[in-house]
Structure formats: structure tokens, C-alpha cells
Amino acid sequence: MDNIKTTIYKELMEKAKSDQEFFNKLINEPHQILSEINITDAAIREQILSMTPEKAFYGVFALGNSEVVSHCCHEQYDI
């Protein structure tokens, strides 16, 4: 089960890095993302649904993934 969770996490992270619209939906409309990708694991669903912009930024900076922030904010904030 952990292997599946790791795979899903990696896929979501890669998509968020390369697709600004997906990143915005993941943060602002998690219910829509869940319906589109059909995640049935209750723990993963709860993690996604409990995501807030604050948690996302904390996670991005805690993991050292500043390229995600750069990608999603580049046009809005001229980073």
C-alpha cells in the first residue's frame, strides 16, 4: 500500500510542477481533482481534502521544492 501512495504522491507532484492549472486546482478545488483522478484510498483522499494554500507553501519550502513555487507564481509575481 505504501508503494501505491508513494507513486500517487510522485505523480501528483510532477503534474503540479509542470501544470499550473492543475496546481491551482489541487490547492483551491481538491474535490474536483479527486473526482477527476478517482482516488479511493481514504487516507490519501483526506490528505488532499485537508490541503490549504498555507499547508502547500509550508510543504513546498520544507521539502526544498522552490521550483514548484517558482513555476506557479512566476507570471503572477514576476519571480
Protein backbone atom coordinates (compact mmCIF):
# COMPACT_ATOMS: atom_id res chain seq x y z
CA MET A 1 0.00 0.00 0.00
CA ASP A 2 2.81 2.43 0.82
CA ASN A 3 4.25 1.87 -2.65
CA ILE A 4 0.95 2.94 -4.23
CA LYS A 5 0.80 6.06 -2.03
CA THR A 6 4.36 6.96 -2.97
CA THR A 7 3.57 6.53 -6.66
CA ILE A 8 0.44 8.68 -6.43
CA TYR A 9 2.32 11.36 -4.48
CA LYS A 10 5.11 11.45 -7.05
CA GLU A 11 2.66 11.65 -9.95
CA LEU A 12 0.71 14.49 -8.31
CA MET A 13 3.93 16.36 -7.51
CA GLU A 14 5.25 16.03 -11.07
CA LYS A 15 1.93 17.17 -12.52
CA ALA A 16 1.80 20.13 -10.11
CA LYS A 17 5.33 21.12 -11.15
CA SER A 18 4.52 21.10 -14.84
CA ASP A 19 0.88 22.20 -14.95
CA GLN A 20 -0.04 25.48 -13.26
CA GLU A 21 -3.78 24.94 -13.72
CA PHE A 22 -3.56 21.54 -12.02
CA PHE A 23 -1.53 23.04 -9.15
CA ASN A 24 -4.15 25.75 -8.62
CA LYS A 25 -6.99 23.20 -8.71
CA LEU A 26 -5.18 20.90 -6.31
CA ILE A 27 -4.91 23.70 -3.77
CA ASN A 28 -8.21 25.50 -4.38
CA GLU A 29 -10.55 22.76 -5.64
CA PRO A 30 -9.37 19.44 -4.18
CA HIS A 31 -12.84 17.85 -4.52
CA GLN A 32 -12.71 18.39 -8.29
CA ILE A 33 -9.23 16.87 -8.54
CA LEU A 34 -10.35 13.84 -6.54
CA SER A 35 -13.34 13.29 -8.80
CA GLU A 36 -11.14 13.57 -11.89
CA ILE A 37 -8.45 11.13 -10.76
CA ASN A 38 -10.73 8.83 -8.74
CA ILE A 39 -8.61 8.22 -5.63
CA THR A 40 -10.35 5.67 -3.45
CA ASP A 41 -7.79 5.35 -0.62
CA ALA A 42 -9.41 7.13 2.34
CA ALA A 43 -6.12 8.34 3.85
CA ILE A 44 -4.94 9.87 0.58
CA ARG A 45 -8.33 11.47 -0.05
CA GLU A 46 -8.27 13.04 3.43
CA GLN A 47 -4.75 14.39 2.91
CA ILE A 48 -5.79 16.05 -0.34
CA LEU A 49 -9.04 17.41 1.06
CA SER A 50 -7.30 18.87 4.09
CA MET A 51 -4.79 20.74 1.91
CA THR A 52 -4.78 24.50 2.22
CA PRO A 53 -2.59 27.05 0.43
CA GLU A 54 -0.74 27.57 3.71
CA LYS A 55 -0.01 23.86 4.07
CA ALA A 56 1.08 23.68 0.44
CA PHE A 57 3.57 26.51 0.82
CA TYR A 58 4.87 25.07 4.07
CA GLY A 59 5.32 21.69 2.42
CA VAL A 60 7.00 23.15 -0.65
CA PHE A 61 9.52 25.09 1.38
CA ALA A 62 10.03 22.32 3.94
CA LEU A 63 10.87 19.89 1.14
CA GLY A 64 13.07 22.38 -0.64
CA ASN A 65 10.93 22.33 -3.78
CA SER A 66 11.18 26.00 -4.58
CA GLU A 67 10.87 25.19 -8.29
CA VAL A 68 7.18 24.45 -7.69
CA VAL A 69 6.67 27.90 -6.20
CA SER A 70 8.69 29.45 -8.99
CA HIS A 71 6.57 27.65 -11.59
CA CYS A 72 3.20 28.52 -10.08
CA CYS A 73 3.98 32.11 -9.17
CA HIS A 74 6.33 33.20 -11.93
CA GLU A 75 3.77 35.03 -14.06
CA GLN A 76 1.70 36.38 -11.16
CA TYR A 77 4.56 37.77 -9.12
CA ASP A 78 7.35 38.11 -11.69
CA ILE A 79 9.69 35.81 -9.76
